[in-house]
Amino acid sequence: MKSTGIVRKVDELGRIVLPIEIRKSMEIDNKGDAVEIFIDDDRIILKKYQPACIFCGDADNVTHFGGKLLCRSCIAKIASL
């Protein structure tokens, strides 16, 4: 893990601001991009959210199917059952 050297305070509502430099490098814009939050022991990890298939985890060619995200490959496998 690489340190950026950037420190931010948490405000009274529990929010932090992601610096513009990090948002630009991760291609996170202010128009609805999401960040996924993970916890690993004493670390909080933020990752740019990419929707993925609920079965195989593939993030390519996903579509909403029955209220869930599925890739075309998994839809084809389900259809063949």
PDB file of N, CA and C in Angstrom:
ATOM      1  N   MET A   1       0.850  -1.167   0.000  1.00  0.00           N
ATOM      2  CA  MET A   1       0.000   0.000   0.000  1.00  0.00           C
ATOM      3  C   MET A   1       0.896   1.230   0.000  1.00  0.00           C
ATOM      4  N   LYS A   2       0.516   2.215  -0.814  1.00  0.00           N
ATOM      5  CA  LYS A   2       1.322   3.424  -0.983  1.00  0.00           C
ATOM      6  C   LYS A   2       0.693   4.580  -0.228  1.00  0.00           C
ATOM      7  N   SER A   3       1.478   5.291   0.553  1.00  0.00           N
ATOM      8  CA  SER A   3       0.990   6.462   1.276  1.00  0.00           C
ATOM      9  C   SER A   3       1.007   7.684   0.365  1.00  0.00           C
ATOM     10  N   THR A   4      -0.059   8.490   0.454  1.00  0.00           N
ATOM     11  CA  THR A   4      -0.118   9.721  -0.330  1.00  0.00           C
ATOM     12  C   THR A   4       0.428  10.906   0.454  1.00  0.00           C
ATOM     13  N   GLY A   5       0.530  10.750   1.751  1.00  0.00           N
ATOM     14  CA  GLY A   5       0.976  11.857   2.592  1.00  0.00           C
ATOM     15  C   GLY A   5      -0.125  12.853   2.894  1.00  0.00           C
ATOM     16  N   ILE A   6      -1.340  12.570   2.451  1.00  0.00           N
ATOM     17  CA  ILE A   6      -2.474  13.475   2.658  1.00  0.00           C
ATOM     18  C   ILE A   6      -3.233  13.033   3.906  1.00  0.00           C
ATOM     19  N   VAL A   7      -3.530  13.988   4.785  1.00  0.00           N
ATOM     20  CA  VAL A   7      -4.294  13.713   6.004  1.00  0.00           C
ATOM     21  C   VAL A   7      -5.537  14.595   5.985  1.00  0.00           C
ATOM     22  N   ARG A   8      -6.677  14.006   6.266  1.00  0.00           N
ATOM     23  CA  ARG A   8      -7.934  14.754   6.326  1.00  0.00           C
ATOM     24  C   ARG A   8      -8.625  14.475   7.645  1.00  0.00           C
ATOM     25  N   LYS A   9      -9.268  15.498   8.215  1.00  0.00           N
ATOM     26  CA  LYS A   9     -10.042  15.331   9.441  1.00  0.00           C
ATOM     27  C   LYS A   9     -11.440  14.850   9.099  1.00  0.00           C
ATOM     28  N   VAL A  10     -12.029  14.120  10.015  1.00  0.00           N
ATOM     29  CA  VAL A  10     -13.414  13.687   9.894  1.00  0.00           C
ATOM     30  C   VAL A  10     -14.273  14.779  10.506  1.00  0.00           C
ATOM     31  N   ASP A  11     -15.315  15.242   9.784  1.00  0.00           N
ATOM     32  CA  ASP A  11     -16.161  16.305  10.330  1.00  0.00           C
ATOM     33  C   ASP A  11     -17.175  15.739  11.320  1.00  0.00           C
ATOM     34  N   GLU A  12     -18.008  16.615  11.887  1.00  0.00           N
ATOM     35  CA  GLU A  12     -18.948  16.221  12.936  1.00  0.00           C
ATOM     36  C   GLU A  12     -20.013  15.231  12.442  1.00  0.00           C
ATOM     37  N   LEU A  13     -20.188  15.119  11.122  1.00  0.00           N
ATOM     38  CA  LEU A  13     -21.141  14.157  10.565  1.00  0.00           C
ATOM     39  C   LEU A  13     -20.451  12.872  10.094  1.00  0.00           C
ATOM     40  N   GLY A  14     -19.154  12.750  10.344  1.00  0.00           N
ATOM     41  CA  GLY A  14     -18.415  11.547   9.968  1.00  0.00           C
ATOM     42  C   GLY A  14     -17.917  11.550   8.536  1.00  0.00           C
ATOM     43  N   ARG A  15     -17.911  12.702   7.886  1.00  0.00           N
ATOM     44  CA  ARG A  15     -17.506  12.785   6.486  1.00  0.00           C
ATOM     45  C   ARG A  15     -16.044  13.168   6.344  1.00  0.00           C
ATOM     46  N   ILE A  16     -15.455  12.705   5.245  1.00  0.00           N
ATOM     47  CA  ILE A  16     -14.125  13.162   4.843  1.00  0.00           C
ATOM     48  C   ILE A  16     -14.215  13.595   3.387  1.00  0.00           C
ATOM     49  N   VAL A  17     -13.294  14.431   2.980  1.00  0.00           N
ATOM     50  CA  VAL A  17     -13.247  14.891   1.595  1.00  0.00           C
ATOM     51  C   VAL A  17     -12.102  14.162   0.903  1.00  0.00           C
ATOM     52  N   LEU A  18     -12.403  13.557  -0.261  1.00  0.00           N
ATOM     53  CA  LEU A  18     -11.345  12.955  -1.062  1.00  0.00           C
ATOM     54  C   LEU A  18     -10.698  14.066  -1.878  1.00  0.00           C
ATOM     55  N   PRO A  19      -9.392  14.240  -1.752  1.00  0.00           N
ATOM     56  CA  PRO A  19      -8.728  15.322  -2.483  1.00  0.00           C
ATOM     57  C   PRO A  19      -8.921  15.187  -3.994  1.00  0.00           C
ATOM     58  N   ILE A  20      -8.988  16.313  -4.672  1.00  0.00           N
ATOM     59  CA  ILE A  20      -9.220  16.350  -6.109  1.00  0.00           C
ATOM     60  C   ILE A  20      -8.154  15.558  -6.862  1.00  0.00           C
ATOM     61  N   GLU A  21      -6.918  15.597  -6.387  1.00  0.00           N
ATOM     62  CA  GLU A  21      -5.836  14.868  -7.056  1.00  0.00           C
ATOM     63  C   GLU A  21      -6.119  13.370  -7.078  1.00  0.00           C
ATOM     64  N   ILE A  22      -6.628  12.840  -5.962  1.00  0.00           N
ATOM     65  CA  ILE A  22      -6.942  11.413  -5.872  1.00  0.00           C
ATOM     66  C   ILE A  22      -8.162  11.095  -6.728  1.00  0.00           C
ATOM     67  N   ARG A  23      -9.191  11.958  -6.669  1.00  0.00           N
ATOM     68  CA  ARG A  23     -10.385  11.730  -7.491  1.00  0.00           C
ATOM     69  C   ARG A  23     -10.050  11.728  -8.973  1.00  0.00           C
ATOM     70  N   LYS A  24      -9.186  12.633  -9.395  1.00  0.00           N
ATOM     71  CA  LYS A  24      -8.795  12.669 -10.811  1.00  0.00           C
ATOM     72  C   LYS A  24      -8.005  11.427 -11.194  1.00  0.00           C
ATOM     73  N   SER A  25      -7.055  11.023 -10.366  1.00  0.00           N
ATOM     74  CA  SER A  25      -6.230   9.859 -10.711  1.00  0.00           C
ATOM     75  C   SER A  25      -7.045   8.569 -10.721  1.00  0.00           C
ATOM     76  N   MET A  26      -8.102   8.502  -9.920  1.00  0.00           N
ATOM     77  CA  MET A  26      -8.952   7.307  -9.870  1.00  0.00           C
ATOM     78  C   MET A  26     -10.177   7.430 -10.781  1.00  0.00           C
ATOM     79  N   GLU A  27     -10.265   8.554 -11.512  1.00  0.00           N
ATOM     80  CA  GLU A  27     -11.388   8.834 -12.408  1.00  0.00           C
ATOM     81  C   GLU A  27     -12.734   8.739 -11.677  1.00  0.00           C
ATOM     82  N   ILE A  28     -12.791   9.381 -10.518  1.00  0.00           N
ATOM     83  CA  ILE A  28     -14.020   9.477  -9.729  1.00  0.00           C
ATOM     84  C   ILE A  28     -14.533  10.896  -9.899  1.00  0.00           C
ATOM     85  N   ASP A  29     -15.714  11.044 -10.505  1.00  0.00           N
ATOM     86  CA  ASP A  29     -16.245  12.395 -10.681  1.00  0.00           C
ATOM     87  C   ASP A  29     -17.345  12.662  -9.653  1.00  0.00           C
ATOM     88  N   ASN A  30     -17.852  13.876  -9.664  1.00  0.00           N
ATOM     89  CA  ASN A  30     -18.859  14.292  -8.685  1.00  0.00           C
ATOM     90  C   ASN A  30     -20.279  13.982  -9.133  1.00  0.00           C
ATOM     91  N   LYS A  31     -20.442  13.248 -10.203  1.00  0.00           N
ATOM     92  CA  LYS A  31     -21.762  13.030 -10.770  1.00  0.00           C
ATOM     93  C   LYS A  31     -22.256  11.608 -10.558  1.00  0.00           C
ATOM     94  N   GLY A  32     -22.059  11.066  -9.392  1.00  0.00           N
ATOM     95  CA  GLY A  32     -22.659   9.778  -9.093  1.00  0.00           C
ATOM     96  C   GLY A  32     -21.714   8.598  -9.019  1.00  0.00           C
ATOM     97  N   ASP A  33     -20.418   8.782  -9.263  1.00  0.00           N
ATOM     98  CA  ASP A  33     -19.509   7.663  -9.064  1.00  0.00           C
ATOM     99  C   ASP A  33     -19.537   7.270  -7.593  1.00  0.00           C
ATOM    100  N   ALA A  34     -19.425   5.998  -7.329  1.00  0.00           N
ATOM    101  CA  ALA A  34     -19.502   5.505  -5.957  1.00  0.00           C
ATOM    102  C   ALA A  34     -18.155   4.948  -5.517  1.00  0.00           C
ATOM    103  N   VAL A  35     -17.969   4.905  -4.215  1.00  0.00           N
ATOM    104  CA  VAL A  35     -16.772   4.345  -3.606  1.00  0.00           C
ATOM    105  C   VAL A  35     -17.214   3.223  -2.682  1.00  0.00           C
ATOM    106  N   GLU A  36     -16.565   2.074  -2.799  1.00  0.00           N
ATOM    107  CA  GLU A  36     -16.872   0.931  -1.953  1.00  0.00           C
ATOM    108  C   GLU A  36     -15.960   0.979  -0.730  1.00  0.00           C
ATOM    109  N   ILE A  37     -16.486   0.593   0.428  1.00  0.00           N
ATOM    110  CA  ILE A  37     -15.741   0.689   1.682  1.00  0.00           C
ATOM    111  C   ILE A  37     -15.480  -0.715   2.215  1.00  0.00           C
ATOM    112  N   PHE A  38     -14.210  -0.995   2.521  1.00  0.00           N
ATOM    113  CA  PHE A  38     -13.798  -2.273   3.090  1.00  0.00           C
ATOM    114  C   PHE A  38     -13.090  -2.017   4.415  1.00  0.00           C
ATOM    115  N   ILE A  39     -13.131  -3.005   5.285  1.00  0.00           N
ATOM    116  CA  ILE A  39     -12.388  -2.937   6.549  1.00  0.00           C
ATOM    117  C   ILE A  39     -11.465  -4.137   6.608  1.00  0.00           C
ATOM    118  N   ASP A  40     -10.195  -3.903   6.891  1.00  0.00           N
ATOM    119  CA  ASP A  40      -9.188  -4.951   7.006  1.00  0.00           C
ATOM    120  C   ASP A  40      -8.411  -4.691   8.287  1.00  0.00           C
ATOM    121  N   ASP A  41      -8.750  -5.451   9.327  1.00  0.00           N
ATOM    122  CA  ASP A  41      -8.173  -5.243  10.663  1.00  0.00           C
ATOM    123  C   ASP A  41      -8.382  -3.789  11.089  1.00  0.00           C
ATOM    124  N   ASP A  42      -7.294  -3.007  11.173  1.00  0.00           N
ATOM    125  CA  ASP A  42      -7.418  -1.619  11.627  1.00  0.00           C
ATOM    126  C   ASP A  42      -7.379  -0.626  10.469  1.00  0.00           C
ATOM    127  N   ARG A  43      -7.662  -1.103   9.253  1.00  0.00           N
ATOM    128  CA  ARG A  43      -7.610  -0.234   8.082  1.00  0.00           C
ATOM    129  C   ARG A  43      -8.982  -0.068   7.457  1.00  0.00           C
ATOM    130  N   ILE A  44      -9.256   1.134   6.979  1.00  0.00           N
ATOM    131  CA  ILE A  44     -10.441   1.413   6.178  1.00  0.00           C
ATOM    132  C   ILE A  44      -9.932   1.597   4.757  1.00  0.00           C
ATOM    133  N   ILE A  45     -10.469   0.813   3.832  1.00  0.00           N
ATOM    134  CA  ILE A  45     -10.011   0.846   2.450  1.00  0.00           C
ATOM    135  C   ILE A  45     -11.148   1.352   1.568  1.00  0.00           C
ATOM    136  N   LEU A  46     -10.864   2.363   0.767  1.00  0.00           N
ATOM    137  CA  LEU A  46     -11.830   2.899  -0.181  1.00  0.00           C
ATOM    138  C   LEU A  46     -11.425   2.445  -1.568  1.00  0.00           C
ATOM    139  N   LYS A  47     -12.406   1.955  -2.341  1.00  0.00           N
ATOM    140  CA  LYS A  47     -12.138   1.483  -3.693  1.00  0.00           C
ATOM    141  C   LYS A  47     -13.228   2.002  -4.610  1.00  0.00           C
ATOM    142  N   LYS A  48     -12.840   2.461  -5.790  1.00  0.00           N
ATOM    143  CA  LYS A  48     -13.839   2.902  -6.751  1.00  0.00           C
ATOM    144  C   LYS A  48     -14.772   1.730  -7.034  1.00  0.00           C
ATOM    145  N   TYR A  49     -16.067   1.974  -6.904  1.00  0.00           N
ATOM    146  CA  TYR A  49     -17.059   0.906  -7.071  1.00  0.00           C
ATOM    147  C   TYR A  49     -17.286   0.604  -8.541  1.00  0.00           C
ATOM    148  N   GLN A  50     -17.235  -0.669  -8.875  1.00  0.00           N
ATOM    149  CA  GLN A  50     -17.587  -1.123 -10.211  1.00  0.00           C
ATOM    150  C   GLN A  50     -18.610  -2.229 -10.058  1.00  0.00           C
ATOM    151  N   PRO A  51     -19.810  -2.045 -10.601  1.00  0.00           N
ATOM    152  CA  PRO A  51     -20.831  -3.078 -10.496  1.00  0.00           C
ATOM    153  C   PRO A  51     -20.345  -4.365 -11.148  1.00  0.00           C
ATOM    154  N   ALA A  52     -20.637  -5.495 -10.513  1.00  0.00           N
ATOM    155  CA  ALA A  52     -20.170  -6.782 -11.027  1.00  0.00           C
ATOM    156  C   ALA A  52     -21.260  -7.837 -10.885  1.00  0.00           C
ATOM    157  N   CYS A  53     -21.107  -8.887 -11.640  1.00  0.00           N
ATOM    158  CA  CYS A  53     -22.035 -10.021 -11.622  1.00  0.00           C
ATOM    159  C   CYS A  53     -22.074 -10.638 -10.225  1.00  0.00           C
ATOM    160  N   ILE A  54     -23.268 -10.935  -9.735  1.00  0.00           N
ATOM    161  CA  ILE A  54     -23.393 -11.493  -8.384  1.00  0.00           C
ATOM    162  C   ILE A  54     -22.891 -12.922  -8.306  1.00  0.00           C
ATOM    163  N   PHE A  55     -22.773 -13.602  -9.434  1.00  0.00           N
ATOM    164  CA  PHE A  55     -22.318 -14.997  -9.418  1.00  0.00           C
ATOM    165  C   PHE A  55     -20.814 -15.137  -9.633  1.00  0.00           C
ATOM    166  N   CYS A  56     -20.287 -14.520 -10.682  1.00  0.00           N
ATOM    167  CA  CYS A  56     -18.879 -14.743 -11.018  1.00  0.00           C
ATOM    168  C   CYS A  56     -17.978 -13.549 -10.702  1.00  0.00           C
ATOM    169  N   GLY A  57     -18.567 -12.372 -10.433  1.00  0.00           N
ATOM    170  CA  GLY A  57     -17.772 -11.194 -10.105  1.00  0.00           C
ATOM    171  C   GLY A  57     -17.243 -10.436 -11.309  1.00  0.00           C
ATOM    172  N   ASP A  58     -17.579 -10.878 -12.525  1.00  0.00           N
ATOM    173  CA  ASP A  58     -17.130 -10.213 -13.740  1.00  0.00           C
ATOM    174  C   ASP A  58     -17.788  -8.835 -13.839  1.00  0.00           C
ATOM    175  N   ALA A  59     -16.989  -7.807 -14.141  1.00  0.00           N
ATOM    176  CA  ALA A  59     -17.529  -6.448 -14.238  1.00  0.00           C
ATOM    177  C   ALA A  59     -17.811  -6.040 -15.676  1.00  0.00           C
ATOM    178  N   ASP A  60     -17.504  -6.912 -16.644  1.00  0.00           N
ATOM    179  CA  ASP A  60     -17.749  -6.602 -18.048  1.00  0.00           C
ATOM    180  C   ASP A  60     -19.114  -7.120 -18.477  1.00  0.00           C
ATOM    181  N   ASN A  61     -19.791  -6.350 -19.293  1.00  0.00           N
ATOM    182  CA  ASN A  61     -21.077  -6.748 -19.872  1.00  0.00           C
ATOM    183  C   ASN A  61     -22.118  -7.135 -18.829  1.00  0.00           C
ATOM    184  N   VAL A  62     -22.211  -6.383 -17.745  1.00  0.00           N
ATOM    185  CA  VAL A  62     -23.232  -6.673 -16.735  1.00  0.00           C
ATOM    186  C   VAL A  62     -24.529  -5.967 -17.091  1.00  0.00           C
ATOM    187  N   THR A  63     -25.622  -6.590 -16.712  1.00  0.00           N
ATOM    188  CA  THR A  63     -26.936  -6.025 -16.968  1.00  0.00           C
ATOM    189  C   THR A  63     -27.839  -6.341 -15.788  1.00  0.00           C
ATOM    190  N   HIS A  64     -28.859  -5.523 -15.602  1.00  0.00           N
ATOM    191  CA  HIS A  64     -29.833  -5.785 -14.550  1.00  0.00           C
ATOM    192  C   HIS A  64     -30.742  -6.909 -15.008  1.00  0.00           C
ATOM    193  N   PHE A  65     -30.870  -7.915 -14.181  1.00  0.00           N
ATOM    194  CA  PHE A  65     -31.719  -9.066 -14.491  1.00  0.00           C
ATOM    195  C   PHE A  65     -32.419  -9.484 -13.205  1.00  0.00           C
ATOM    196  N   GLY A  66     -33.712  -9.312 -13.157  1.00  0.00           N
ATOM    197  CA  GLY A  66     -34.457  -9.664 -11.944  1.00  0.00           C
ATOM    198  C   GLY A  66     -34.026  -8.868 -10.726  1.00  0.00           C
ATOM    199  N   GLY A  67     -33.617  -7.624 -10.932  1.00  0.00           N
ATOM    200  CA  GLY A  67     -33.199  -6.782  -9.810  1.00  0.00           C
ATOM    201  C   GLY A  67     -31.769  -7.000  -9.356  1.00  0.00           C
ATOM    202  N   LYS A  68     -31.046  -7.873 -10.028  1.00  0.00           N
ATOM    203  CA  LYS A  68     -29.641  -8.151  -9.690  1.00  0.00           C
ATOM    204  C   LYS A  68     -28.771  -7.886 -10.902  1.00  0.00           C
ATOM    205  N   LEU A  69     -27.467  -7.724 -10.675  1.00  0.00           N
ATOM    206  CA  LEU A  69     -26.531  -7.553 -11.774  1.00  0.00           C
ATOM    207  C   LEU A  69     -25.968  -8.916 -12.175  1.00  0.00           C
ATOM    208  N   LEU A  70     -26.106  -9.239 -13.450  1.00  0.00           N
ATOM    209  CA  LEU A  70     -25.584 -10.494 -13.981  1.00  0.00           C
ATOM    210  C   LEU A  70     -24.822 -10.207 -15.269  1.00  0.00           C
ATOM    211  N   CYS A  71     -23.782 -11.007 -15.522  1.00  0.00           N
ATOM    212  CA  CYS A  71     -23.084 -10.883 -16.793  1.00  0.00           C
ATOM    213  C   CYS A  71     -23.793 -11.770 -17.818  1.00  0.00           C
ATOM    214  N   ARG A  72     -23.504 -11.519 -19.073  1.00  0.00           N
ATOM    215  CA  ARG A  72     -24.168 -12.273 -20.140  1.00  0.00           C
ATOM    216  C   ARG A  72     -23.817 -13.753 -20.081  1.00  0.00           C
ATOM    217  N   SER A  73     -22.618 -14.064 -19.675  1.00  0.00           N
ATOM    218  CA  SER A  73     -22.204 -15.463 -19.576  1.00  0.00           C
ATOM    219  C   SER A  73     -23.052 -16.214 -18.555  1.00  0.00           C
ATOM    220  N   CYS A  74     -23.271 -15.623 -17.387  1.00  0.00           N
ATOM    221  CA  CYS A  74     -24.078 -16.270 -16.352  1.00  0.00           C
ATOM    222  C   CYS A  74     -25.550 -16.343 -16.754  1.00  0.00           C
ATOM    223  N   ILE A  75     -26.037 -15.329 -17.457  1.00  0.00           N
ATOM    224  CA  ILE A  75     -27.419 -15.368 -17.950  1.00  0.00           C
ATOM    225  C   ILE A  75     -27.579 -16.525 -18.921  1.00  0.00           C
ATOM    226  N   ALA A  76     -26.589 -16.739 -19.802  1.00  0.00           N
ATOM    227  CA  ALA A  76     -26.635 -17.838 -20.756  1.00  0.00           C
ATOM    228  C   ALA A  76     -26.611 -19.183 -20.029  1.00  0.00           C
ATOM    229  N   LYS A  77     -25.801 -19.292 -18.972  1.00  0.00           N
ATOM    230  CA  LYS A  77     -25.738 -20.549 -18.206  1.00  0.00           C
ATOM    231  C   LYS A  77     -27.071 -20.825 -17.528  1.00  0.00           C
ATOM    232  N   ILE A  78     -27.704 -19.783 -16.982  1.00  0.00           N
ATOM    233  CA  ILE A  78     -28.997 -19.952 -16.316  1.00  0.00           C
ATOM    234  C   ILE A  78     -30.072 -20.356 -17.346  1.00  0.00           C
ATOM    235  N   ALA A  79     -30.006 -19.717 -18.505  1.00  0.00           N
ATOM    236  CA  ALA A  79     -30.993 -20.020 -19.557  1.00  0.00           C
ATOM    237  C   ALA A  79     -30.881 -21.459 -20.046  1.00  0.00           C
ATOM    238  N   SER A  80     -29.684 -22.036 -19.974  1.00  0.00           N
ATOM    239  CA  SER A  80     -29.500 -23.398 -20.468  1.00  0.00           C
ATOM    240  C   SER A  80     -29.927 -24.461 -19.455  1.00  0.00           C
ATOM    241  N   LEU A  81     -30.261 -24.056 -18.239  1.00  0.00           N
ATOM    242  CA  LEU A  81     -30.678 -25.033 -17.223  1.00  0.00           C
ATOM    243  C   LEU A  81     -32.071 -25.590 -17.492  1.00  0.00           C
TER     244      LEU A  81
END
